[in-house]
Amino acid sequence: EPLDLGVRPPAGYRRVLDLRHGLLERTILWKGAESGVVRFRFR
């Protein structure tokens, strides 16, 4: 199943732009129709 937050909203979501270090971080909890819960972290 494609990860698409517009089709299946996340169970958890947080996005932070650290202006001091220039780092953008996004964390989501996502569960598909036939899958368990997965935590994704993007930096």
PDB file of all heavy atoms in Angstrom:
ATOM      1  N   GLU A   1       0.840  -1.199   0.000  1.00  0.00           N
ATOM      2  CA  GLU A   1       0.000   0.000   0.000  1.00  0.00           C
ATOM      3  C   GLU A   1       0.876   1.250   0.000  1.00  0.00           C
ATOM      4  O   GLU A   1       1.742   1.397   0.866  1.00  0.00           O
ATOM      5  CB  GLU A   1      -0.923   0.022   1.214  1.00  0.00           C
ATOM      6  CG  GLU A   1      -1.824   1.253   1.254  1.00  0.00           C
ATOM      7  CD  GLU A   1      -2.776   1.251   2.445  1.00  0.00           C
ATOM      8  OE1 GLU A   1      -2.835   0.238   3.166  1.00  0.00           O
ATOM      9  OE2 GLU A   1      -3.460   2.276   2.655  1.00  0.00           O
ATOM     10  N   PRO A   2       0.655   2.176  -0.935  1.00  0.00           N
ATOM     11  CA  PRO A   2       1.455   3.404  -0.956  1.00  0.00           C
ATOM     12  C   PRO A   2       1.228   4.246   0.300  1.00  0.00           C
ATOM     13  O   PRO A   2       0.092   4.371   0.782  1.00  0.00           O
ATOM     14  CB  PRO A   2       0.942   4.140  -2.201  1.00  0.00           C
ATOM     15  CG  PRO A   2       0.322   3.086  -3.047  1.00  0.00           C
ATOM     16  CD  PRO A   2      -0.266   2.096  -2.087  1.00  0.00           C
ATOM     17  N   LEU A   3       2.296   4.796   0.816  1.00  0.00           N
ATOM     18  CA  LEU A   3       2.196   5.751   1.919  1.00  0.00           C
ATOM     19  C   LEU A   3       1.684   7.067   1.347  1.00  0.00           C
ATOM     20  O   LEU A   3       2.381   7.738   0.584  1.00  0.00           O
ATOM     21  CB  LEU A   3       3.558   5.952   2.575  1.00  0.00           C
ATOM     22  CG  LEU A   3       3.633   7.032   3.655  1.00  0.00           C
ATOM     23  CD1 LEU A   3       2.747   6.689   4.836  1.00  0.00           C
ATOM     24  CD2 LEU A   3       5.071   7.239   4.112  1.00  0.00           C
ATOM     25  N   ASP A   4       0.455   7.433   1.694  1.00  0.00           N
ATOM     26  CA  ASP A   4      -0.163   8.658   1.188  1.00  0.00           C
ATOM     27  C   ASP A   4      -1.049   9.209   2.298  1.00  0.00           C
ATOM     28  O   ASP A   4      -2.115   8.663   2.587  1.00  0.00           O
ATOM     29  CB  ASP A   4      -0.993   8.358  -0.066  1.00  0.00           C
ATOM     30  CG  ASP A   4      -1.522   9.616  -0.738  1.00  0.00           C
ATOM     31  OD1 ASP A   4      -1.690  10.642  -0.046  1.00  0.00           O
ATOM     32  OD2 ASP A   4      -1.771   9.579  -1.959  1.00  0.00           O
ATOM     33  N   LEU A   5      -0.608  10.291   2.931  1.00  0.00           N
ATOM     34  CA  LEU A   5      -1.341  10.851   4.059  1.00  0.00           C
ATOM     35  C   LEU A   5      -2.646  11.506   3.633  1.00  0.00           C
ATOM     36  O   LEU A   5      -3.510  11.764   4.477  1.00  0.00           O
ATOM     37  CB  LEU A   5      -0.470  11.870   4.798  1.00  0.00           C
ATOM     38  CG  LEU A   5       0.880  11.363   5.319  1.00  0.00           C
ATOM     39  CD1 LEU A   5       1.536  12.407   6.199  1.00  0.00           C
ATOM     40  CD2 LEU A   5       0.720  10.046   6.063  1.00  0.00           C
ATOM     41  N   GLY A   6      -2.811  11.766   2.334  1.00  0.00           N
ATOM     42  CA  GLY A   6      -4.063  12.307   1.851  1.00  0.00           C
ATOM     43  C   GLY A   6      -5.138  11.242   1.720  1.00  0.00           C
ATOM     44  O   GLY A   6      -6.331  11.531   1.798  1.00  0.00           O
ATOM     45  N   VAL A   7      -4.716  10.003   1.522  1.00  0.00           N
ATOM     46  CA  VAL A   7      -5.650   8.881   1.403  1.00  0.00           C
ATOM     47  C   VAL A   7      -5.913   8.242   2.760  1.00  0.00           C
ATOM     48  O   VAL A   7      -7.053   7.941   3.123  1.00  0.00           O
ATOM     49  CB  VAL A   7      -5.098   7.832   0.416  1.00  0.00           C
ATOM     50  CG1 VAL A   7      -5.978   6.590   0.402  1.00  0.00           C
ATOM     51  CG2 VAL A   7      -4.986   8.435  -0.976  1.00  0.00           C
ATOM     52  N   ARG A   8      -4.859   8.042   3.524  1.00  0.00           N
ATOM     53  CA  ARG A   8      -4.978   7.435   4.848  1.00  0.00           C
ATOM     54  C   ARG A   8      -4.229   8.318   5.855  1.00  0.00           C
ATOM     55  O   ARG A   8      -3.006   8.296   5.921  1.00  0.00           O
ATOM     56  CB  ARG A   8      -4.395   6.014   4.846  1.00  0.00           C
ATOM     57  CG  ARG A   8      -4.768   5.207   6.084  1.00  0.00           C
ATOM     58  CD  ARG A   8      -4.219   3.785   5.986  1.00  0.00           C
ATOM     59  NE  ARG A   8      -4.768   3.064   4.848  1.00  0.00           N
ATOM     60  CZ  ARG A   8      -5.958   2.487   4.844  1.00  0.00           C
ATOM     61  NH1 ARG A   8      -6.736   2.557   5.906  1.00  0.00           N
ATOM     62  NH2 ARG A   8      -6.376   1.833   3.765  1.00  0.00           N
ATOM     63  N   PRO A   9      -4.954   9.122   6.624  1.00  0.00           N
ATOM     64  CA  PRO A   9      -4.313  10.061   7.555  1.00  0.00           C
ATOM     65  C   PRO A   9      -3.434   9.337   8.578  1.00  0.00           C
ATOM     66  O   PRO A   9      -3.697   8.177   8.926  1.00  0.00           O
ATOM     67  CB  PRO A   9      -5.500  10.756   8.241  1.00  0.00           C
ATOM     68  CG  PRO A   9      -6.633  10.598   7.281  1.00  0.00           C
ATOM     69  CD  PRO A   9      -6.418   9.260   6.630  1.00  0.00           C
ATOM     70  N   PRO A  10      -2.419   9.997   9.071  1.00  0.00           N
ATOM     71  CA  PRO A  10      -1.516   9.370  10.043  1.00  0.00           C
ATOM     72  C   PRO A  10      -2.167   9.248  11.421  1.00  0.00           C
ATOM     73  O   PRO A  10      -3.042  10.032  11.786  1.00  0.00           O
ATOM     74  CB  PRO A  10      -0.329  10.331  10.085  1.00  0.00           C
ATOM     75  CG  PRO A  10      -0.929  11.664   9.762  1.00  0.00           C
ATOM     76  CD  PRO A  10      -2.014  11.380   8.753  1.00  0.00           C
ATOM     77  N   ALA A  11      -1.702   8.255  12.181  1.00  0.00           N
ATOM     78  CA  ALA A  11      -2.146   8.103  13.567  1.00  0.00           C
ATOM     79  C   ALA A  11      -1.405   9.062  14.485  1.00  0.00           C
ATOM     80  O   ALA A  11      -1.862   9.348  15.594  1.00  0.00           O
ATOM     81  CB  ALA A  11      -1.936   6.657  14.021  1.00  0.00           C
ATOM     82  N   GLY A  12      -0.269   9.555  14.033  1.00  0.00           N
ATOM     83  CA  GLY A  12       0.502  10.544  14.773  1.00  0.00           C
ATOM     84  C   GLY A  12       1.305  11.369  13.794  1.00  0.00           C
ATOM     85  O   GLY A  12       1.715  10.870  12.734  1.00  0.00           O
ATOM     86  N   TYR A  13       1.537  12.637  14.123  1.00  0.00           N
ATOM     87  CA  TYR A  13       2.193  13.536  13.162  1.00  0.00           C
ATOM     88  C   TYR A  13       2.891  14.669  13.922  1.00  0.00           C
ATOM     89  O   TYR A  13       2.322  15.258  14.839  1.00  0.00           O
ATOM     90  CB  TYR A  13       1.149  14.116  12.210  1.00  0.00           C
ATOM     91  CG  TYR A  13       1.680  15.123  11.211  1.00  0.00           C
ATOM     92  CD1 TYR A  13       2.100  14.723   9.953  1.00  0.00           C
ATOM     93  CD2 TYR A  13       1.753  16.475  11.535  1.00  0.00           C
ATOM     94  CE1 TYR A  13       2.582  15.645   9.032  1.00  0.00           C
ATOM     95  CE2 TYR A  13       2.228  17.401  10.623  1.00  0.00           C
ATOM     96  CZ  TYR A  13       2.644  16.983   9.375  1.00  0.00           C
ATOM     97  OH  TYR A  13       3.116  17.908   8.476  1.00  0.00           O
ATOM     98  N   ARG A  14       4.110  14.979  13.515  1.00  0.00           N
ATOM     99  CA  ARG A  14       4.828  16.128  14.066  1.00  0.00           C
ATOM    100  C   ARG A  14       5.903  16.555  13.075  1.00  0.00           C
ATOM    101  O   ARG A  14       6.646  15.719  12.542  1.00  0.00           O
ATOM    102  CB  ARG A  14       5.465  15.794  15.415  1.00  0.00           C
ATOM    103  CG  ARG A  14       6.196  16.973  16.066  1.00  0.00           C
ATOM    104  CD  ARG A  14       6.705  16.575  17.447  1.00  0.00           C
ATOM    105  NE  ARG A  14       7.521  17.583  18.076  1.00  0.00           N
ATOM    106  CZ  ARG A  14       7.056  18.647  18.737  1.00  0.00           C
ATOM    107  NH1 ARG A  14       5.754  18.823  18.858  1.00  0.00           N
ATOM    108  NH2 ARG A  14       7.879  19.518  19.289  1.00  0.00           N
ATOM    109  N   ARG A  15       5.985  17.853  12.829  1.00  0.00           N
ATOM    110  CA  ARG A  15       7.008  18.405  11.948  1.00  0.00           C
ATOM    111  C   ARG A  15       7.662  19.591  12.627  1.00  0.00           C
ATOM    112  O   ARG A  15       6.979  20.471  13.166  1.00  0.00           O
ATOM    113  CB  ARG A  15       6.393  18.809  10.608  1.00  0.00           C
ATOM    114  CG  ARG A  15       7.389  19.403   9.630  1.00  0.00           C
ATOM    115  CD  ARG A  15       6.913  19.403   8.191  1.00  0.00           C
ATOM    116  NE  ARG A  15       5.639  20.051   7.962  1.00  0.00           N
ATOM    117  CZ  ARG A  15       5.212  20.415   6.759  1.00  0.00           C
ATOM    118  NH1 ARG A  15       5.964  20.186   5.685  1.00  0.00           N
ATOM    119  NH2 ARG A  15       4.022  20.993   6.612  1.00  0.00           N
ATOM    120  N   VAL A  16       8.991  19.619  12.599  1.00  0.00           N
ATOM    121  CA  VAL A  16       9.748  20.662  13.285  1.00  0.00           C
ATOM    122  C   VAL A  16      10.829  21.198  12.356  1.00  0.00           C
ATOM    123  O   VAL A  16      11.614  20.422  11.794  1.00  0.00           O
ATOM    124  CB  VAL A  16      10.398  20.136  14.581  1.00  0.00           C
ATOM    125  CG1 VAL A  16      11.206  21.245  15.256  1.00  0.00           C
ATOM    126  CG2 VAL A  16       9.350  19.586  15.539  1.00  0.00           C
ATOM    127  N   LEU A  17      10.881  22.513  12.204  1.00  0.00           N
ATOM    128  CA  LEU A  17      11.977  23.168  11.503  1.00  0.00           C
ATOM    129  C   LEU A  17      12.873  23.814  12.551  1.00  0.00           C
ATOM    130  O   LEU A  17      12.470  24.748  13.246  1.00  0.00           O
ATOM    131  CB  LEU A  17      11.455  24.232  10.536  1.00  0.00           C
ATOM    132  CG  LEU A  17      12.518  25.048   9.800  1.00  0.00           C
ATOM    133  CD1 LEU A  17      13.441  24.156   8.974  1.00  0.00           C
ATOM    134  CD2 LEU A  17      11.869  26.113   8.915  1.00  0.00           C
ATOM    135  N   ASP A  18      14.070  23.272  12.698  1.00  0.00           N
ATOM    136  CA  ASP A  18      15.060  23.793  13.641  1.00  0.00           C
ATOM    137  C   ASP A  18      15.845  24.889  12.925  1.00  0.00           C
ATOM    138  O   ASP A  18      16.738  24.609  12.123  1.00  0.00           O
ATOM    139  CB  ASP A  18      15.983  22.661  14.090  1.00  0.00           C
ATOM    140  CG  ASP A  18      16.997  23.105  15.139  1.00  0.00           C
ATOM    141  OD1 ASP A  18      17.247  24.321  15.266  1.00  0.00           O
ATOM    142  OD2 ASP A  18      17.558  22.222  15.815  1.00  0.00           O
ATOM    143  N   LEU A  19      15.504  26.133  13.218  1.00  0.00           N
ATOM    144  CA  LEU A  19      16.129  27.259  12.524  1.00  0.00           C
ATOM    145  C   LEU A  19      17.577  27.470  12.950  1.00  0.00           C
ATOM    146  O   LEU A  19      18.372  28.031  12.194  1.00  0.00           O
ATOM    147  CB  LEU A  19      15.318  28.535  12.786  1.00  0.00           C
ATOM    148  CG  LEU A  19      13.878  28.513  12.246  1.00  0.00           C
ATOM    149  CD1 LEU A  19      13.094  29.705  12.772  1.00  0.00           C
ATOM    150  CD2 LEU A  19      13.872  28.500  10.735  1.00  0.00           C
ATOM    151  N   ARG A  20      17.928  27.042  14.131  1.00  0.00           N
ATOM    152  CA  ARG A  20      19.311  27.199  14.584  1.00  0.00           C
ATOM    153  C   ARG A  20      20.257  26.312  13.793  1.00  0.00           C
ATOM    154  O   ARG A  20      21.369  26.713  13.430  1.00  0.00           O
ATOM    155  CB  ARG A  20      19.419  26.882  16.077  1.00  0.00           C
ATOM    156  CG  ARG A  20      20.831  27.130  16.654  1.00  0.00           C
ATOM    157  CD  ARG A  20      20.907  26.677  18.103  1.00  0.00           C
ATOM    158  NE  ARG A  20      20.041  27.461  18.965  1.00  0.00           N
ATOM    159  CZ  ARG A  20      20.388  28.626  19.511  1.00  0.00           C
ATOM    160  NH1 ARG A  20      21.577  29.154  19.251  1.00  0.00           N
ATOM    161  NH2 ARG A  20      19.564  29.256  20.302  1.00  0.00           N
ATOM    162  N   HIS A  21      19.820  25.074  13.504  1.00  0.00           N
ATOM    163  CA  HIS A  21      20.683  24.105  12.825  1.00  0.00           C
ATOM    164  C   HIS A  21      20.280  23.858  11.373  1.00  0.00           C
ATOM    165  O   HIS A  21      20.938  23.074  10.676  1.00  0.00           O
ATOM    166  CB  HIS A  21      20.680  22.782  13.593  1.00  0.00           C
ATOM    167  CG  HIS A  21      21.183  22.900  15.001  1.00  0.00           C
ATOM    168  ND1 HIS A  21      20.344  22.943  16.095  1.00  0.00           N
ATOM    169  CD2 HIS A  21      22.448  23.024  15.489  1.00  0.00           C
ATOM    170  CE1 HIS A  21      21.054  23.067  17.191  1.00  0.00           C
ATOM    171  NE2 HIS A  21      22.330  23.111  16.856  1.00  0.00           N
ATOM    172  N   GLY A  22      19.203  24.495  10.920  1.00  0.00           N
ATOM    173  CA  GLY A  22      18.785  24.343   9.530  1.00  0.00           C
ATOM    174  C   GLY A  22      18.283  22.954   9.200  1.00  0.00           C
ATOM    175  O   GLY A  22      18.439  22.485   8.077  1.00  0.00           O
ATOM    176  N   LEU A  23      17.652  22.285  10.173  1.00  0.00           N
ATOM    177  CA  LEU A  23      17.214  20.901   9.996  1.00  0.00           C
ATOM    178  C   LEU A  23      15.689  20.821  10.024  1.00  0.00           C
ATOM    179  O   LEU A  23      15.041  21.319  10.949  1.00  0.00           O
ATOM    180  CB  LEU A  23      17.786  20.025  11.111  1.00  0.00           C
ATOM    181  CG  LEU A  23      17.389  18.540  11.098  1.00  0.00           C
ATOM    182  CD1 LEU A  23      17.980  17.847   9.880  1.00  0.00           C
ATOM    183  CD2 LEU A  23      17.846  17.861  12.379  1.00  0.00           C
ATOM    184  N   LEU A  24      15.106  20.198   9.013  1.00  0.00           N
ATOM    185  CA  LEU A  24      13.674  19.946   8.965  1.00  0.00           C
ATOM    186  C   LEU A  24      13.444  18.472   9.279  1.00  0.00           C
ATOM    187  O   LEU A  24      14.004  17.592   8.630  1.00  0.00           O
ATOM    188  CB  LEU A  24      13.115  20.271   7.580  1.00  0.00           C
ATOM    189  CG  LEU A  24      11.630  19.973   7.356  1.00  0.00           C
ATOM    190  CD1 LEU A  24      10.759  20.805   8.290  1.00  0.00           C
ATOM    191  CD2 LEU A  24      11.242  20.221   5.897  1.00  0.00           C
ATOM    192  N   GLU A  25      12.611  18.206  10.298  1.00  0.00           N
ATOM    193  CA  GLU A  25      12.343  16.829  10.716  1.00  0.00           C
ATOM    194  C   GLU A  25      10.839  16.608  10.802  1.00  0.00           C
ATOM    195  O   GLU A  25      10.109  17.417  11.372  1.00  0.00           O
ATOM    196  CB  GLU A  25      12.991  16.528  12.060  1.00  0.00           C
ATOM    197  CG  GLU A  25      12.753  15.111  12.551  1.00  0.00           C
ATOM    198  CD  GLU A  25      13.559  14.769  13.796  1.00  0.00           C
ATOM    199  OE1 GLU A  25      14.714  15.242  13.907  1.00  0.00           O
ATOM    200  OE2 GLU A  25      13.043  14.029  14.648  1.00  0.00           O
ATOM    201  N   ARG A  26      10.383  15.499  10.239  1.00  0.00           N
ATOM    202  CA  ARG A  26       8.961  15.129  10.280  1.00  0.00           C
ATOM    203  C   ARG A  26       8.839  13.688  10.734  1.00  0.00           C
ATOM    204  O   ARG A  26       9.534  12.804  10.226  1.00  0.00           O
ATOM    205  CB  ARG A  26       8.323  15.307   8.891  1.00  0.00           C
ATOM    206  CG  ARG A  26       6.847  14.951   8.818  1.00  0.00           C
ATOM    207  CD  ARG A  26       6.259  15.400   7.478  1.00  0.00           C
ATOM    208  NE  ARG A  26       6.967  14.822   6.349  1.00  0.00           N
ATOM    209  CZ  ARG A  26       6.503  13.800   5.619  1.00  0.00           C
ATOM    210  NH1 ARG A  26       5.329  13.275   5.896  1.00  0.00           N
ATOM    211  NH2 ARG A  26       7.206  13.339   4.600  1.00  0.00           N
ATOM    212  N   THR A  27       7.970  13.456  11.708  1.00  0.00           N
ATOM    213  CA  THR A  27       7.745  12.112  12.238  1.00  0.00           C
ATOM    214  C   THR A  27       6.263  11.781  12.121  1.00  0.00           C
ATOM    215  O   THR A  27       5.412  12.595  12.497  1.00  0.00           O
ATOM    216  CB  THR A  27       8.174  12.016  13.711  1.00  0.00           C
ATOM    217  OG1 THR A  27       9.547  12.388  13.844  1.00  0.00           O
ATOM    218  CG2 THR A  27       7.996  10.593  14.235  1.00  0.00           C
ATOM    219  N   ILE A  28       5.950  10.596  11.594  1.00  0.00           N
ATOM    220  CA  ILE A  28       4.562  10.174  11.473  1.00  0.00           C
ATOM    221  C   ILE A  28       4.415   8.733  11.942  1.00  0.00           C
ATOM    222  O   ILE A  28       5.353   7.929  11.849  1.00  0.00           O
ATOM    223  CB  ILE A  28       4.027  10.305  10.029  1.00  0.00           C
ATOM    224  CG1 ILE A  28       4.810   9.402   9.080  1.00  0.00           C
ATOM    225  CG2 ILE A  28       4.081  11.745   9.557  1.00  0.00           C
ATOM    226  CD1 ILE A  28       4.239   9.371   7.669  1.00  0.00           C
ATOM    227  N   LEU A  29       3.233   8.419  12.469  1.00  0.00           N
ATOM    228  CA  LEU A  29       2.832   7.046  12.753  1.00  0.00           C
ATOM    229  C   LEU A  29       1.761   6.692  11.735  1.00  0.00           C
ATOM    230  O   LEU A  29       0.788   7.429  11.577  1.00  0.00           O
ATOM    231  CB  LEU A  29       2.288   6.916  14.174  1.00  0.00           C
ATOM    232  CG  LEU A  29       3.244   7.196  15.322  1.00  0.00           C
ATOM    233  CD1 LEU A  29       2.519   7.079  16.663  1.00  0.00           C
ATOM    234  CD2 LEU A  29       4.441   6.255  15.286  1.00  0.00           C
ATOM    235  N   TRP A  30       1.925   5.557  11.081  1.00  0.00           N
ATOM    236  CA  TRP A  30       1.021   5.212   9.973  1.00  0.00           C
ATOM    237  C   TRP A  30       0.699   3.735  10.005  1.00  0.00           C
ATOM    238  O   TRP A  30       1.574   2.892  10.221  1.00  0.00           O
ATOM    239  CB  TRP A  30       1.679   5.574   8.652  1.00  0.00           C
ATOM    240  CG  TRP A  30       0.790   5.533   7.460  1.00  0.00           C
ATOM    241  CD1 TRP A  30      -0.087   6.493   7.043  1.00  0.00           C
ATOM    242  CD2 TRP A  30       0.678   4.465   6.514  1.00  0.00           C
ATOM    243  NE1 TRP A  30      -0.726   6.095   5.886  1.00  0.00           N
ATOM    244  CE2 TRP A  30      -0.294   4.859   5.539  1.00  0.00           C
ATOM    245  CE3 TRP A  30       1.298   3.226   6.395  1.00  0.00           C
ATOM    246  CZ2 TRP A  30      -0.632   4.058   4.461  1.00  0.00           C
ATOM    247  CZ3 TRP A  30       0.948   2.405   5.319  1.00  0.00           C
ATOM    248  CH2 TRP A  30       0.001   2.832   4.371  1.00  0.00           C
ATOM    249  N   LYS A  31      -0.578   3.426   9.767  1.00  0.00           N
ATOM    250  CA  LYS A  31      -1.017   2.039   9.703  1.00  0.00           C
ATOM    251  C   LYS A  31      -1.823   1.833   8.437  1.00  0.00           C
ATOM    252  O   LYS A  31      -2.805   2.533   8.197  1.00  0.00           O
ATOM    253  CB  LYS A  31      -1.872   1.674  10.924  1.00  0.00           C
ATOM    254  CG  LYS A  31      -2.281   0.200  10.953  1.00  0.00           C
ATOM    255  CD  LYS A  31      -3.176  -0.097  12.125  1.00  0.00           C
ATOM    256  CE  LYS A  31      -3.454  -1.603  12.227  1.00  0.00           C
ATOM    257  NZ  LYS A  31      -3.962  -2.182  10.953  1.00  0.00           N
ATOM    258  N   GLY A  32      -1.386   0.892   7.619  1.00  0.00           N
ATOM    259  CA  GLY A  32      -2.110   0.581   6.398  1.00  0.00           C
ATOM    260  C   GLY A  32      -3.287  -0.330   6.652  1.00  0.00           C
ATOM    261  O   GLY A  32      -3.498  -0.831   7.769  1.00  0.00           O
ATOM    262  N   ALA A  33      -4.058  -0.595   5.594  1.00  0.00           N
ATOM    263  CA  ALA A  33      -5.239  -1.446   5.732  1.00  0.00           C
ATOM    264  C   ALA A  33      -4.873  -2.866   6.137  1.00  0.00           C
ATOM    265  O   ALA A  33      -5.616  -3.521   6.868  1.00  0.00           O
ATOM    266  CB  ALA A  33      -6.012  -1.450   4.420  1.00  0.00           C
ATOM    267  N   GLU A  34      -3.710  -3.340   5.667  1.00  0.00           N
ATOM    268  CA  GLU A  34      -3.316  -4.718   5.930  1.00  0.00           C
ATOM    269  C   GLU A  34      -1.963  -4.799   6.626  1.00  0.00           C
ATOM    270  O   GLU A  34      -1.309  -5.843   6.591  1.00  0.00           O
ATOM    271  CB  GLU A  34      -3.261  -5.516   4.615  1.00  0.00           C
ATOM    272  CG  GLU A  34      -4.549  -5.505   3.809  1.00  0.00           C
ATOM    273  CD  GLU A  34      -5.668  -6.248   4.518  1.00  0.00           C
ATOM    274  OE1 GLU A  34      -5.360  -7.132   5.347  1.00  0.00           O
ATOM    275  OE2 GLU A  34      -6.848  -5.943   4.247  1.00  0.00           O
ATOM    276  N   SER A  35      -1.540  -3.725   7.273  1.00  0.00           N
ATOM    277  CA  SER A  35      -0.213  -3.719   7.886  1.00  0.00           C
ATOM    278  C   SER A  35      -0.281  -3.275   9.331  1.00  0.00           C
ATOM    279  O   SER A  35      -1.299  -2.731   9.796  1.00  0.00           O
ATOM    280  CB  SER A  35       0.726  -2.781   7.115  1.00  0.00           C
ATOM    281  OG  SER A  35       0.385  -1.425   7.354  1.00  0.00           O
ATOM    282  N   GLY A  36       0.808  -3.480  10.038  1.00  0.00           N
ATOM    283  CA  GLY A  36       0.935  -2.970  11.384  1.00  0.00           C
ATOM    284  C   GLY A  36       1.323  -1.494  11.366  1.00  0.00           C
ATOM    285  O   GLY A  36       1.371  -0.850  10.314  1.00  0.00           O
ATOM    286  N   VAL A  37       1.606  -0.964  12.544  1.00  0.00           N
ATOM    287  CA  VAL A  37       1.966   0.448  12.683  1.00  0.00           C
ATOM    288  C   VAL A  37       3.449   0.638  12.387  1.00  0.00           C
ATOM    289  O   VAL A  37       4.302  -0.122  12.879  1.00  0.00           O
ATOM    290  CB  VAL A  37       1.647   0.958  14.105  1.00  0.00           C
ATOM    291  CG1 VAL A  37       2.043   2.426  14.242  1.00  0.00           C
ATOM    292  CG2 VAL A  37       0.161   0.790  14.413  1.00  0.00           C
ATOM    293  N   VAL A  38       3.737   1.641  11.585  1.00  0.00           N
ATOM    294  CA  VAL A  38       5.125   1.969  11.230  1.00  0.00           C
ATOM    295  C   VAL A  38       5.389   3.421  11.593  1.00  0.00           C
ATOM    296  O   VAL A  38       4.551   4.291  11.353  1.00  0.00           O
ATOM    297  CB  VAL A  38       5.390   1.763   9.725  1.00  0.00           C
ATOM    298  CG1 VAL A  38       6.854   2.054   9.396  1.00  0.00           C
ATOM    299  CG2 VAL A  38       5.017   0.350   9.297  1.00  0.00           C
ATOM    300  N   ARG A  39       6.540   3.657  12.195  1.00  0.00           N
ATOM    301  CA  ARG A  39       6.962   5.036  12.474  1.00  0.00           C
ATOM    302  C   ARG A  39       7.989   5.448  11.425  1.00  0.00           C
ATOM    303  O   ARG A  39       9.008   4.788  11.242  1.00  0.00           O
ATOM    304  CB  ARG A  39       7.564   5.163  13.873  1.00  0.00           C
ATOM    305  CG  ARG A  39       8.085   6.591  14.166  1.00  0.00           C
ATOM    306  CD  ARG A  39       8.403   6.770  15.634  1.00  0.00           C
ATOM    307  NE  ARG A  39       9.376   5.782  16.090  1.00  0.00           N
ATOM    308  CZ  ARG A  39       9.467   5.373  17.361  1.00  0.00           C
ATOM    309  NH1 ARG A  39       8.639   5.848  18.271  1.00  0.00           N
ATOM    310  NH2 ARG A  39      10.386   4.488  17.699  1.00  0.00           N
ATOM    311  N   PHE A  40       7.693   6.552  10.748  1.00  0.00           N
ATOM    312  CA  PHE A  40       8.614   7.115   9.768  1.00  0.00           C
ATOM    313  C   PHE A  40       9.193   8.410  10.311  1.00  0.00           C
ATOM    314  O   PHE A  40       8.475   9.221  10.913  1.00  0.00           O
ATOM    315  CB  PHE A  40       7.892   7.409   8.448  1.00  0.00           C
ATOM    316  CG  PHE A  40       7.472   6.192   7.685  1.00  0.00           C
ATOM    317  CD1 PHE A  40       6.185   5.679   7.825  1.00  0.00           C
ATOM    318  CD2 PHE A  40       8.358   5.561   6.823  1.00  0.00           C
ATOM    319  CE1 PHE A  40       5.782   4.561   7.115  1.00  0.00           C
ATOM    320  CE2 PHE A  40       7.964   4.438   6.116  1.00  0.00           C
ATOM    321  CZ  PHE A  40       6.674   3.929   6.259  1.00  0.00           C
ATOM    322  N   ARG A  41      10.473   8.600  10.072  1.00  0.00           N
ATOM    323  CA  ARG A  41      11.123   9.862  10.431  1.00  0.00           C
ATOM    324  C   ARG A  41      11.905  10.358   9.219  1.00  0.00           C
ATOM    325  O   ARG A  41      12.738   9.639   8.666  1.00  0.00           O
ATOM    326  CB  ARG A  41      12.050   9.702  11.628  1.00  0.00           C
ATOM    327  CG  ARG A  41      12.743  11.000  12.042  1.00  0.00           C
ATOM    328  CD  ARG A  41      13.598  10.841  13.297  1.00  0.00           C
ATOM    329  NE  ARG A  41      12.771  10.655  14.476  1.00  0.00           N
ATOM    330  CZ  ARG A  41      12.708   9.540  15.194  1.00  0.00           C
ATOM    331  NH1 ARG A  41      13.426   8.481  14.811  1.00  0.00           N
ATOM    332  NH2 ARG A  41      11.954   9.455  16.258  1.00  0.00           N
ATOM    333  N   PHE A  42      11.604  11.586   8.792  1.00  0.00           N
ATOM    334  CA  PHE A  42      12.276  12.212   7.655  1.00  0.00           C
ATOM    335  C   PHE A  42      13.093  13.393   8.152  1.00  0.00           C
ATOM    336  O   PHE A  42      12.576  14.238   8.894  1.00  0.00           O
ATOM    337  CB  PHE A  42      11.247  12.711   6.636  1.00  0.00           C
ATOM    338  CG  PHE A  42      10.295  11.661   6.133  1.00  0.00           C
ATOM    339  CD1 PHE A  42       9.134  11.354   6.837  1.00  0.00           C
ATOM    340  CD2 PHE A  42      10.550  10.975   4.952  1.00  0.00           C
ATOM    341  CE1 PHE A  42       8.244  10.393   6.373  1.00  0.00           C
ATOM    342  CE2 PHE A  42       9.669  10.012   4.476  1.00  0.00           C
ATOM    343  CZ  PHE A  42       8.515   9.716   5.189  1.00  0.00           C
ATOM    344  N   ARG A  43      14.343  13.479   7.737  1.00  0.00           N
ATOM    345  CA  ARG A  43      15.194  14.622   8.076  1.00  0.00           C
ATOM    346  C   ARG A  43      15.784  15.183   6.790  1.00  0.00           C
ATOM    347  O   ARG A  43      16.233  14.425   5.930  1.00  0.00           O
ATOM    348  CB  ARG A  43      16.322  14.223   9.027  1.00  0.00           C
ATOM    349  CG  ARG A  43      15.873  13.717  10.385  1.00  0.00           C
ATOM    350  CD  ARG A  43      17.074  13.535  11.300  1.00  0.00           C
ATOM    351  NE  ARG A  43      16.723  12.991  12.588  1.00  0.00           N
ATOM    352  CZ  ARG A  43      16.792  11.702  12.906  1.00  0.00           C
ATOM    353  NH1 ARG A  43      17.212  10.829  11.999  1.00  0.00           N
ATOM    354  NH2 ARG A  43      16.462  11.274  14.105  1.00  0.00           N
TER     355      ARG A  43
END
